[in-house]
Amino acid sequence: GVELSDRPGVTKVQLQEWEAEHRPFILPEDYRAFLSVSNGITLRWRLRFRGEEEPFGEVHVNSLEQVRPLSPVDLFTFTENRASSSSVATSSAAPSASGPRSSPSAILAAFDLDAECSSGRVVLVYPVLEGGSAPIAGITAGSGDPQVWFQDLACRWHFMASSFTDYFRLAAAHLGVPQWHFAFSDAGLGPLATHWLAF
């Protein structure tokens, strides 16, 4: 079975209020468009096994109210781990549309995208690229557009997608199976996720 939980979209005023609170950062256009249609979404799949339905996969995108900034400590761990986290593992189901143009030398801010993720944390990162200057509203010369990164439970960071749209496509392609995010880590998918995605 499939269970879909969504909400009415946010208004332009609500988006402006969020961006005023988190100035100078603005949400990328594709995420703004998504929130305008549905203020967050949770899609769950269940499989019938021996006569009972069991949870299978979940795709969750935070509502605007849940898009909160990470703490300075979390931002520090990102910078400390950027060398190892820039590696992108090849997914068996659907590779990212495009890899990072460069590994961020630092980030100004990061905002939570998936409060339901049990494997770690999925965040929207506003990076400063190597040799670049700090971005204003996330986009200036020498800086990168907001990217989507995954932080595993060991606090290691892994690039996932260059845009929210690419990330959402990846989540759907991987059916939200448990720990699917590790397809983009150096560890790779676990046996269970690999098994389900092989079908």
N, C-alpha and C. Protein backbone atom coordinates (compact mmCIF):
# COMPACT_ATOMS: atom_id res chain seq x y z
N GLY A 1 0.81 -1.19 0.00
CA GLY A 1 0.00 0.00 0.00
C GLY A 1 0.85 1.25 0.00
N VAL A 2 0.26 2.33 -0.39
CA VAL A 2 0.95 3.62 -0.44
C VAL A 2 0.17 4.64 0.38
N GLU A 3 0.88 5.38 1.21
CA GLU A 3 0.26 6.41 2.05
C GLU A 3 0.92 7.75 1.73
N LEU A 4 0.11 8.72 1.34
CA LEU A 4 0.61 10.04 1.00
C LEU A 4 0.07 11.08 1.96
N SER A 5 0.99 11.83 2.57
CA SER A 5 0.61 12.93 3.46
C SER A 5 1.21 14.21 2.90
N ASP A 6 0.34 15.13 2.50
CA ASP A 6 0.83 16.42 2.02
C ASP A 6 -0.01 17.52 2.65
N ARG A 7 0.35 18.76 2.33
CA ARG A 7 -0.33 19.92 2.90
C ARG A 7 -0.59 20.94 1.81
N PRO A 8 -1.51 21.85 2.06
CA PRO A 8 -1.66 22.96 1.11
C PRO A 8 -0.36 23.74 1.00
N GLY A 9 -0.08 24.27 -0.17
CA GLY A 9 1.15 25.01 -0.39
C GLY A 9 1.25 26.28 0.43
N VAL A 10 2.47 26.73 0.62
CA VAL A 10 2.70 27.97 1.37
C VAL A 10 2.42 29.17 0.46
N THR A 11 2.24 30.31 1.06
CA THR A 11 2.01 31.54 0.30
C THR A 11 3.33 32.26 0.05
N LYS A 12 3.31 33.21 -0.86
CA LYS A 12 4.49 34.02 -1.12
C LYS A 12 4.91 34.78 0.13
N VAL A 13 3.94 35.22 0.92
CA VAL A 13 4.24 35.95 2.16
C VAL A 13 4.98 35.05 3.14
N GLN A 14 4.56 33.79 3.27
CA GLN A 14 5.24 32.86 4.17
C GLN A 14 6.68 32.62 3.74
N LEU A 15 6.92 32.50 2.44
CA LEU A 15 8.28 32.34 1.94
C LEU A 15 9.12 33.59 2.24
N GLN A 16 8.53 34.75 2.04
CA GLN A 16 9.25 36.00 2.31
C GLN A 16 9.57 36.13 3.79
N GLU A 17 8.67 35.71 4.65
CA GLU A 17 8.91 35.77 6.09
C GLU A 17 10.05 34.85 6.49
N TRP A 18 10.09 33.64 5.89
CA TRP A 18 11.18 32.70 6.19
C TRP A 18 12.51 33.30 5.76
N GLU A 19 12.55 33.86 4.57
CA GLU A 19 13.79 34.40 4.04
C GLU A 19 14.23 35.66 4.77
N ALA A 20 13.27 36.42 5.27
CA ALA A 20 13.62 37.59 6.09
C ALA A 20 14.26 37.15 7.40
N GLU A 21 13.74 36.06 7.96
CA GLU A 21 14.29 35.54 9.22
C GLU A 21 15.69 34.97 9.04
N HIS A 22 15.96 34.40 7.86
CA HIS A 22 17.24 33.73 7.62
C HIS A 22 18.11 34.48 6.62
N ARG A 23 17.87 35.76 6.47
CA ARG A 23 18.66 36.61 5.59
C ARG A 23 20.15 36.44 5.87
N PRO A 24 21.02 36.36 4.85
CA PRO A 24 20.78 36.66 3.43
C PRO A 24 20.45 35.43 2.57
N PHE A 25 20.10 34.32 3.19
CA PHE A 25 19.88 33.09 2.43
C PHE A 25 18.45 33.02 1.92
N ILE A 26 18.33 32.61 0.66
CA ILE A 26 17.02 32.41 0.07
C ILE A 26 16.93 30.96 -0.40
N LEU A 27 15.73 30.43 -0.40
CA LEU A 27 15.54 29.06 -0.86
C LEU A 27 15.68 29.00 -2.38
N PRO A 28 16.23 27.91 -2.91
CA PRO A 28 16.34 27.78 -4.37
C PRO A 28 14.96 27.76 -5.02
N GLU A 29 14.91 28.19 -6.26
CA GLU A 29 13.63 28.34 -6.95
C GLU A 29 12.84 27.04 -7.03
N ASP A 30 13.53 25.91 -7.26
CA ASP A 30 12.78 24.66 -7.39
C ASP A 30 12.14 24.23 -6.07
N TYR A 31 12.83 24.48 -4.96
CA TYR A 31 12.25 24.15 -3.66
C TYR A 31 11.11 25.10 -3.31
N ARG A 32 11.27 26.37 -3.67
CA ARG A 32 10.19 27.33 -3.47
C ARG A 32 8.94 26.91 -4.24
N ALA A 33 9.14 26.47 -5.48
CA ALA A 33 8.02 26.03 -6.30
C ALA A 33 7.34 24.80 -5.69
N PHE A 34 8.15 23.88 -5.18
CA PHE A 34 7.61 22.67 -4.54
C PHE A 34 6.76 23.05 -3.32
N LEU A 35 7.29 23.92 -2.46
CA LEU A 35 6.56 24.32 -1.26
C LEU A 35 5.29 25.09 -1.60
N SER A 36 5.29 25.77 -2.73
CA SER A 36 4.10 26.50 -3.14
C SER A 36 2.96 25.56 -3.53
N VAL A 37 3.33 24.35 -3.94
CA VAL A 37 2.32 23.34 -4.30
C VAL A 37 1.94 22.50 -3.08
N SER A 38 2.95 22.09 -2.31
CA SER A 38 2.71 21.27 -1.12
C SER A 38 3.73 21.65 -0.05
N ASN A 39 3.25 22.07 1.11
CA ASN A 39 4.14 22.48 2.19
C ASN A 39 4.67 21.25 2.91
N GLY A 40 5.62 20.58 2.26
CA GLY A 40 6.16 19.34 2.78
C GLY A 40 5.36 18.15 2.29
N ILE A 41 5.99 16.99 2.35
CA ILE A 41 5.31 15.78 1.88
C ILE A 41 5.94 14.55 2.56
N THR A 42 5.12 13.55 2.82
CA THR A 42 5.60 12.26 3.30
C THR A 42 4.91 11.18 2.50
N LEU A 43 5.71 10.36 1.84
CA LEU A 43 5.18 9.27 1.02
C LEU A 43 5.75 7.96 1.56
N ARG A 44 4.87 7.07 1.99
CA ARG A 44 5.31 5.80 2.58
C ARG A 44 4.79 4.63 1.75
N TRP A 45 5.67 3.64 1.56
CA TRP A 45 5.31 2.39 0.89
C TRP A 45 5.26 1.28 1.93
N ARG A 46 4.30 0.37 1.77
CA ARG A 46 4.22 -0.81 2.62
C ARG A 46 4.12 -2.06 1.74
N LEU A 47 4.73 -3.15 2.20
CA LEU A 47 4.67 -4.42 1.49
C LEU A 47 3.87 -5.43 2.31
N ARG A 48 3.11 -6.23 1.63
CA ARG A 48 2.37 -7.30 2.31
C ARG A 48 3.26 -8.54 2.41
N PHE A 49 3.51 -8.97 3.63
CA PHE A 49 4.38 -10.12 3.89
C PHE A 49 3.69 -11.05 4.88
N ARG A 50 3.42 -12.28 4.43
CA ARG A 50 2.74 -13.28 5.26
C ARG A 50 1.43 -12.75 5.82
N GLY A 51 0.71 -12.06 4.94
CA GLY A 51 -0.61 -11.58 5.31
C GLY A 51 -0.64 -10.28 6.07
N GLU A 52 0.54 -9.69 6.35
CA GLU A 52 0.59 -8.43 7.09
C GLU A 52 1.38 -7.40 6.30
N GLU A 53 0.97 -6.13 6.43
CA GLU A 53 1.68 -5.06 5.76
C GLU A 53 2.84 -4.57 6.62
N GLU A 54 4.03 -4.50 6.02
CA GLU A 54 5.22 -4.06 6.72
C GLU A 54 5.77 -2.80 6.04
N PRO A 55 6.32 -1.85 6.83
CA PRO A 55 6.91 -0.65 6.24
C PRO A 55 8.04 -1.02 5.28
N PHE A 56 8.09 -0.31 4.15
CA PHE A 56 9.11 -0.62 3.14
C PHE A 56 10.00 0.58 2.86
N GLY A 57 9.40 1.71 2.49
CA GLY A 57 10.19 2.88 2.16
C GLY A 57 9.46 4.17 2.49
N GLU A 58 10.23 5.24 2.57
CA GLU A 58 9.63 6.53 2.90
C GLU A 58 10.41 7.65 2.23
N VAL A 59 9.68 8.58 1.62
CA VAL A 59 10.27 9.80 1.09
C VAL A 59 9.62 10.96 1.83
N HIS A 60 10.44 11.75 2.49
CA HIS A 60 9.92 12.87 3.29
C HIS A 60 10.66 14.15 2.92
N VAL A 61 9.89 15.22 2.77
CA VAL A 61 10.46 16.56 2.56
C VAL A 61 9.84 17.47 3.61
N ASN A 62 10.68 18.19 4.33
CA ASN A 62 10.20 19.04 5.41
C ASN A 62 9.24 20.12 4.93
N SER A 63 8.32 20.45 5.82
CA SER A 63 7.51 21.65 5.61
C SER A 63 8.39 22.87 5.84
N LEU A 64 7.93 24.02 5.43
CA LEU A 64 8.72 25.24 5.58
C LEU A 64 9.06 25.49 7.05
N GLU A 65 8.13 25.17 7.95
CA GLU A 65 8.37 25.38 9.37
C GLU A 65 9.49 24.49 9.91
N GLN A 66 9.74 23.36 9.24
CA GLN A 66 10.77 22.42 9.69
C GLN A 66 12.13 22.70 9.07
N VAL A 67 12.20 23.63 8.14
CA VAL A 67 13.46 23.95 7.49
C VAL A 67 14.23 24.89 8.42
N ARG A 68 15.01 24.28 9.31
CA ARG A 68 15.72 25.03 10.36
C ARG A 68 17.23 24.96 10.12
N PRO A 69 17.95 26.00 10.52
CA PRO A 69 19.40 26.00 10.30
C PRO A 69 20.13 25.04 11.23
N LEU A 70 21.22 24.49 10.75
CA LEU A 70 22.07 23.66 11.59
C LEU A 70 22.87 24.56 12.54
N SER A 71 23.33 23.97 13.61
CA SER A 71 24.10 24.72 14.60
C SER A 71 25.52 24.97 14.10
N PRO A 72 26.22 25.94 14.68
CA PRO A 72 27.62 26.19 14.30
C PRO A 72 28.50 24.96 14.46
N VAL A 73 28.22 24.12 15.45
CA VAL A 73 29.00 22.90 15.65
C VAL A 73 28.85 21.97 14.44
N ASP A 74 27.63 21.83 13.93
CA ASP A 74 27.40 20.99 12.76
C ASP A 74 28.10 21.55 11.53
N LEU A 75 28.11 22.87 11.38
CA LEU A 75 28.80 23.49 10.26
C LEU A 75 30.31 23.24 10.34
N PHE A 76 30.83 23.22 11.56
CA PHE A 76 32.25 22.94 11.75
C PHE A 76 32.59 21.53 11.31
N THR A 77 31.73 20.56 11.64
CA THR A 77 32.00 19.18 11.24
C THR A 77 31.98 19.04 9.73
N PHE A 78 31.16 19.83 9.06
CA PHE A 78 31.13 19.80 7.60
C PHE A 78 32.48 20.22 7.04
N THR A 79 33.00 21.34 7.51
CA THR A 79 34.28 21.85 7.02
C THR A 79 35.41 20.87 7.32
N GLU A 80 35.38 20.27 8.51
CA GLU A 80 36.43 19.34 8.91
C GLU A 80 36.43 18.08 8.05
N ASN A 81 35.25 17.67 7.59
CA ASN A 81 35.14 16.41 6.87
C ASN A 81 35.01 16.57 5.36
N ARG A 82 35.21 17.79 4.82
CA ARG A 82 34.90 18.02 3.41
C ARG A 82 35.76 17.18 2.48
N ALA A 83 36.99 16.87 2.88
CA ALA A 83 37.87 16.13 1.98
C ALA A 83 37.34 14.73 1.70
N SER A 84 36.89 14.06 2.76
CA SER A 84 36.39 12.70 2.57
C SER A 84 34.96 12.68 2.09
N SER A 85 34.19 13.71 2.42
CA SER A 85 32.77 13.69 2.08
C SER A 85 32.49 14.04 0.64
N SER A 86 33.49 14.55 -0.09
CA SER A 86 33.23 14.95 -1.47
C SER A 86 33.15 13.77 -2.42
N SER A 87 33.55 12.57 -1.95
CA SER A 87 33.45 11.40 -2.82
C SER A 87 31.99 11.01 -2.98
N VAL A 88 31.62 10.63 -4.19
CA VAL A 88 30.25 10.26 -4.46
C VAL A 88 30.22 8.82 -4.94
N ALA A 89 29.53 7.96 -4.19
CA ALA A 89 29.43 6.56 -4.60
C ALA A 89 28.45 6.43 -5.74
N THR A 90 28.68 5.48 -6.61
CA THR A 90 27.78 5.25 -7.73
C THR A 90 26.57 4.47 -7.26
N SER A 91 25.37 4.98 -7.57
CA SER A 91 24.13 4.30 -7.17
C SER A 91 23.80 3.21 -8.16
N SER A 92 23.28 2.10 -7.65
CA SER A 92 22.87 1.01 -8.52
C SER A 92 21.55 1.29 -9.20
N ALA A 93 20.80 2.30 -8.68
CA ALA A 93 19.47 2.56 -9.23
C ALA A 93 19.43 3.79 -10.10
N ALA A 94 19.98 4.92 -9.60
CA ALA A 94 19.91 6.16 -10.37
C ALA A 94 20.99 7.10 -9.90
N PRO A 95 22.01 7.39 -10.70
CA PRO A 95 23.07 8.29 -10.30
C PRO A 95 22.58 9.72 -10.25
N SER A 96 23.30 10.56 -9.48
CA SER A 96 22.96 11.97 -9.41
C SER A 96 23.11 12.60 -10.79
N ALA A 97 22.25 13.57 -11.08
CA ALA A 97 22.28 14.20 -12.40
C ALA A 97 23.60 14.89 -12.66
N SER A 98 24.20 15.46 -11.60
CA SER A 98 25.50 16.10 -11.78
C SER A 98 26.20 16.18 -10.45
N GLY A 99 27.49 15.94 -10.46
CA GLY A 99 28.26 16.00 -9.23
C GLY A 99 28.58 17.43 -8.87
N PRO A 100 29.18 17.62 -7.68
CA PRO A 100 29.52 18.98 -7.27
C PRO A 100 30.59 19.57 -8.17
N ARG A 101 30.45 20.84 -8.48
CA ARG A 101 31.44 21.49 -9.33
C ARG A 101 32.79 21.53 -8.63
N SER A 102 32.77 21.60 -7.31
CA SER A 102 33.99 21.59 -6.52
C SER A 102 33.59 21.27 -5.09
N SER A 103 34.53 20.75 -4.35
CA SER A 103 34.24 20.48 -2.95
C SER A 103 34.23 21.79 -2.18
N PRO A 104 33.19 22.06 -1.39
CA PRO A 104 33.15 23.32 -0.66
C PRO A 104 34.33 23.46 0.29
N SER A 105 34.94 24.63 0.32
CA SER A 105 36.00 24.90 1.27
C SER A 105 35.39 25.28 2.62
N ALA A 106 34.16 25.72 2.59
CA ALA A 106 33.44 26.07 3.81
C ALA A 106 31.98 26.26 3.45
N ILE A 107 31.13 26.32 4.45
CA ILE A 107 29.74 26.63 4.18
C ILE A 107 29.29 27.73 5.12
N LEU A 108 28.39 28.55 4.60
CA LEU A 108 27.85 29.64 5.41
C LEU A 108 26.67 29.18 6.23
N ALA A 109 25.88 28.27 5.66
CA ALA A 109 24.69 27.81 6.37
C ALA A 109 24.23 26.50 5.77
N ALA A 110 23.44 25.77 6.55
CA ALA A 110 22.82 24.54 6.07
C ALA A 110 21.49 24.41 6.78
N PHE A 111 20.49 23.92 6.04
CA PHE A 111 19.13 23.83 6.57
C PHE A 111 18.59 22.42 6.40
N ASP A 112 17.91 21.94 7.42
CA ASP A 112 17.39 20.57 7.44
C ASP A 112 16.30 20.39 6.39
N LEU A 113 16.42 19.32 5.59
CA LEU A 113 15.43 19.02 4.56
C LEU A 113 14.54 17.83 4.91
N ASP A 114 15.02 16.94 5.77
CA ASP A 114 14.29 15.70 6.05
C ASP A 114 14.39 15.36 7.53
N ALA A 115 13.40 15.77 8.30
CA ALA A 115 13.39 15.51 9.74
C ALA A 115 13.08 14.06 10.07
N GLU A 116 12.67 13.28 9.07
CA GLU A 116 12.30 11.88 9.30
C GLU A 116 13.44 10.91 9.01
N CYS A 117 14.55 11.40 8.50
CA CYS A 117 15.66 10.52 8.11
C CYS A 117 16.27 9.86 9.35
N SER A 118 16.24 8.54 9.40
CA SER A 118 16.78 7.80 10.55
C SER A 118 18.24 7.39 10.33
N SER A 119 18.76 7.58 9.12
CA SER A 119 20.13 7.18 8.81
C SER A 119 21.13 8.30 9.02
N GLY A 120 20.65 9.49 9.31
CA GLY A 120 21.51 10.64 9.47
C GLY A 120 20.73 11.91 9.25
N ARG A 121 21.28 12.80 8.45
CA ARG A 121 20.64 14.08 8.22
C ARG A 121 20.80 14.49 6.76
N VAL A 122 19.71 14.98 6.15
CA VAL A 122 19.74 15.50 4.78
C VAL A 122 19.56 17.01 4.86
N VAL A 123 20.49 17.75 4.28
CA VAL A 123 20.46 19.20 4.45
C VAL A 123 20.70 19.92 3.12
N LEU A 124 20.18 21.14 3.08
CA LEU A 124 20.43 22.06 1.98
C LEU A 124 21.61 22.93 2.39
N VAL A 125 22.70 22.81 1.64
CA VAL A 125 23.96 23.45 2.01
C VAL A 125 24.22 24.66 1.11
N TYR A 126 24.61 25.77 1.73
CA TYR A 126 25.02 26.97 1.01
C TYR A 126 26.55 27.04 1.10
N PRO A 127 27.25 26.64 0.01
CA PRO A 127 28.70 26.47 0.11
C PRO A 127 29.51 27.67 -0.34
N VAL A 128 30.75 27.70 0.12
CA VAL A 128 31.78 28.58 -0.44
C VAL A 128 32.77 27.64 -1.12
N LEU A 129 32.96 27.78 -2.43
CA LEU A 129 33.86 26.89 -3.15
C LEU A 129 35.31 27.31 -2.95
N GLU A 130 36.21 26.38 -3.27
CA GLU A 130 37.64 26.65 -3.12
C GLU A 130 38.01 27.95 -3.84
N GLY A 131 38.65 28.85 -3.11
CA GLY A 131 39.09 30.10 -3.69
C GLY A 131 37.99 31.11 -3.88
N GLY A 132 36.77 30.79 -3.38
CA GLY A 132 35.65 31.68 -3.60
C GLY A 132 35.37 32.56 -2.40
N SER A 133 34.45 33.49 -2.61
CA SER A 133 34.05 34.37 -1.54
C SER A 133 32.70 33.93 -1.00
N ALA A 134 32.31 34.50 0.11
CA ALA A 134 31.04 34.13 0.72
C ALA A 134 29.87 34.53 -0.16
N PRO A 135 28.91 33.63 -0.34
CA PRO A 135 27.77 33.96 -1.21
C PRO A 135 26.76 34.87 -0.51
N ILE A 136 26.17 35.75 -1.27
CA ILE A 136 25.04 36.53 -0.80
C ILE A 136 23.79 35.91 -1.42
N ALA A 137 22.85 35.52 -0.59
CA ALA A 137 21.64 34.83 -1.03
C ALA A 137 22.01 33.52 -1.73
N GLY A 138 23.18 32.98 -1.40
CA GLY A 138 23.57 31.68 -1.90
C GLY A 138 24.19 31.68 -3.28
N ILE A 139 24.16 32.81 -4.01
CA ILE A 139 24.64 32.78 -5.38
C ILE A 139 25.47 34.03 -5.69
N THR A 140 26.79 33.88 -5.80
CA THR A 140 27.66 34.96 -6.29
C THR A 140 28.86 34.31 -6.94
N ALA A 141 29.70 35.13 -7.55
CA ALA A 141 30.90 34.60 -8.16
C ALA A 141 31.76 33.92 -7.10
N GLY A 142 32.26 32.73 -7.44
CA GLY A 142 33.12 32.01 -6.51
C GLY A 142 32.36 31.14 -5.53
N SER A 143 31.04 31.19 -5.56
CA SER A 143 30.27 30.36 -4.64
C SER A 143 29.37 29.44 -5.44
N GLY A 144 28.79 28.46 -4.76
CA GLY A 144 27.94 27.52 -5.45
C GLY A 144 26.48 27.72 -5.10
N ASP A 145 25.61 27.27 -5.99
CA ASP A 145 24.19 27.25 -5.67
C ASP A 145 23.99 26.28 -4.50
N PRO A 146 22.87 26.42 -3.77
CA PRO A 146 22.61 25.47 -2.68
C PRO A 146 22.61 24.03 -3.19
N GLN A 147 23.26 23.15 -2.44
CA GLN A 147 23.37 21.75 -2.80
C GLN A 147 22.73 20.89 -1.70
N VAL A 148 22.46 19.64 -2.01
CA VAL A 148 21.92 18.72 -1.01
C VAL A 148 23.01 17.73 -0.61
N TRP A 149 23.25 17.67 0.71
CA TRP A 149 24.27 16.79 1.27
C TRP A 149 23.64 15.89 2.33
N PHE A 150 24.28 14.76 2.58
CA PHE A 150 23.84 13.80 3.58
C PHE A 150 24.92 13.65 4.65
N GLN A 151 24.53 13.77 5.92
CA GLN A 151 25.44 13.52 7.03
C GLN A 151 25.05 12.21 7.69
N ASP A 152 25.96 11.23 7.68
CA ASP A 152 25.63 9.95 8.29
C ASP A 152 25.76 10.02 9.81
N LEU A 153 25.46 8.92 10.49
CA LEU A 153 25.45 8.92 11.95
C LEU A 153 26.85 9.02 12.55
N ALA A 154 27.88 8.85 11.71
CA ALA A 154 29.26 9.04 12.16
C ALA A 154 29.73 10.47 11.90
N CYS A 155 28.80 11.34 11.52
CA CYS A 155 29.06 12.76 11.28
C CYS A 155 29.90 13.01 10.02
N ARG A 156 29.97 12.03 9.12
CA ARG A 156 30.65 12.24 7.85
C ARG A 156 29.65 12.78 6.83
N TRP A 157 30.14 13.69 5.98
CA TRP A 157 29.27 14.36 5.02
C TRP A 157 29.49 13.82 3.62
N HIS A 158 28.39 13.69 2.86
CA HIS A 158 28.45 13.13 1.52
C HIS A 158 27.56 13.94 0.58
N PHE A 159 28.13 14.34 -0.55
CA PHE A 159 27.35 15.06 -1.55
C PHE A 159 26.29 14.16 -2.16
N MET A 160 25.07 14.72 -2.36
CA MET A 160 23.98 13.95 -2.97
C MET A 160 23.51 14.54 -4.29
N ALA A 161 23.26 15.84 -4.33
CA ALA A 161 22.67 16.41 -5.54
C ALA A 161 22.97 17.90 -5.64
N SER A 162 23.00 18.39 -6.87
CA SER A 162 23.28 19.81 -7.12
C SER A 162 22.06 20.69 -6.93
N SER A 163 20.88 20.08 -6.82
CA SER A 163 19.65 20.86 -6.67
C SER A 163 18.61 20.04 -5.91
N PHE A 164 17.60 20.72 -5.42
CA PHE A 164 16.51 20.03 -4.75
C PHE A 164 15.78 19.09 -5.71
N THR A 165 15.58 19.53 -6.94
CA THR A 165 14.90 18.69 -7.92
C THR A 165 15.64 17.38 -8.15
N ASP A 166 16.97 17.45 -8.32
CA ASP A 166 17.76 16.24 -8.50
C ASP A 166 17.64 15.33 -7.28
N TYR A 167 17.68 15.93 -6.09
CA TYR A 167 17.56 15.12 -4.87
C TYR A 167 16.21 14.41 -4.81
N PHE A 168 15.15 15.12 -5.12
CA PHE A 168 13.81 14.52 -5.02
C PHE A 168 13.67 13.37 -6.02
N ARG A 169 14.24 13.53 -7.20
CA ARG A 169 14.21 12.45 -8.18
C ARG A 169 14.96 11.23 -7.67
N LEU A 170 16.10 11.46 -7.03
CA LEU A 170 16.88 10.35 -6.48
C LEU A 170 16.11 9.62 -5.39
N ALA A 171 15.45 10.39 -4.52
CA ALA A 171 14.67 9.78 -3.44
C ALA A 171 13.57 8.89 -4.01
N ALA A 172 12.88 9.38 -5.05
CA ALA A 172 11.82 8.59 -5.66
C ALA A 172 12.38 7.37 -6.38
N ALA A 173 13.52 7.54 -7.08
CA ALA A 173 14.12 6.42 -7.81
C ALA A 173 14.58 5.31 -6.88
N HIS A 174 15.01 5.68 -5.67
CA HIS A 174 15.46 4.70 -4.68
C HIS A 174 14.32 4.20 -3.80
N LEU A 175 13.10 4.66 -4.10
CA LEU A 175 11.89 4.20 -3.39
C LEU A 175 11.91 4.48 -1.90
N GLY A 176 12.83 5.35 -1.47
CA GLY A 176 12.92 5.66 -0.05
C GLY A 176 13.25 4.47 0.83
N VAL A 177 13.90 3.43 0.26
CA VAL A 177 14.21 2.24 1.07
C VAL A 177 15.14 2.63 2.21
N PRO A 178 15.11 1.91 3.32
CA PRO A 178 15.96 2.27 4.46
C PRO A 178 17.44 2.37 4.05
N GLN A 179 18.07 3.45 4.46
CA GLN A 179 19.50 3.71 4.25
C GLN A 179 19.87 3.89 2.77
N TRP A 180 18.91 4.29 1.94
CA TRP A 180 19.24 4.50 0.53
C TRP A 180 20.25 5.62 0.33
N HIS A 181 20.33 6.54 1.29
CA HIS A 181 21.26 7.67 1.18
C HIS A 181 22.71 7.21 1.08
N PHE A 182 23.00 6.00 1.60
CA PHE A 182 24.39 5.53 1.60
C PHE A 182 24.87 5.15 0.20
N ALA A 183 23.97 5.16 -0.78
CA ALA A 183 24.40 4.97 -2.17
C ALA A 183 25.36 6.07 -2.58
N PHE A 184 25.34 7.20 -1.87
CA PHE A 184 26.17 8.35 -2.22
C PHE A 184 27.30 8.57 -1.21
N SER A 185 27.59 7.53 -0.45
CA SER A 185 28.70 7.58 0.51
C SER A 185 29.79 6.62 0.07
N ASP A 186 30.94 6.70 0.72
CA ASP A 186 32.01 5.77 0.40
C ASP A 186 31.69 4.36 0.88
N ALA A 187 30.77 4.23 1.83
CA ALA A 187 30.38 2.91 2.33
C ALA A 187 29.50 2.16 1.33
N GLY A 188 28.67 2.89 0.60
CA GLY A 188 27.78 2.27 -0.37
C GLY A 188 26.54 1.68 0.29
N LEU A 189 25.65 1.16 -0.53
CA LEU A 189 24.41 0.58 -0.04
C LEU A 189 24.67 -0.68 0.78
N GLY A 190 23.83 -0.88 1.81
CA GLY A 190 23.90 -2.11 2.59
C GLY A 190 23.22 -3.24 1.85
N PRO A 191 23.36 -4.47 2.35
CA PRO A 191 22.79 -5.64 1.67
C PRO A 191 21.28 -5.56 1.49
N LEU A 192 20.55 -5.08 2.52
CA LEU A 192 19.10 -5.03 2.43
C LEU A 192 18.64 -4.06 1.35
N ALA A 193 19.20 -2.85 1.35
CA ALA A 193 18.83 -1.86 0.34
C ALA A 193 19.20 -2.34 -1.06
N THR A 194 20.36 -2.96 -1.17
CA THR A 194 20.80 -3.49 -2.46
C THR A 194 19.83 -4.55 -2.97
N HIS A 195 19.38 -5.40 -2.05
CA HIS A 195 18.42 -6.47 -2.40
C HIS A 195 17.13 -5.88 -2.97
N TRP A 196 16.54 -4.92 -2.27
CA TRP A 196 15.26 -4.37 -2.71
C TRP A 196 15.40 -3.58 -4.01
N LEU A 197 16.50 -2.86 -4.18
CA LEU A 197 16.66 -2.05 -5.38
C LEU A 197 17.06 -2.87 -6.59
N ALA A 198 17.37 -4.14 -6.38
CA ALA A 198 17.71 -5.01 -7.50
C ALA A 198 16.49 -5.44 -8.30
N PHE A 199 15.28 -5.30 -7.71
CA PHE A 199 14.07 -5.72 -8.39
C PHE A 199 13.68 -4.73 -9.46
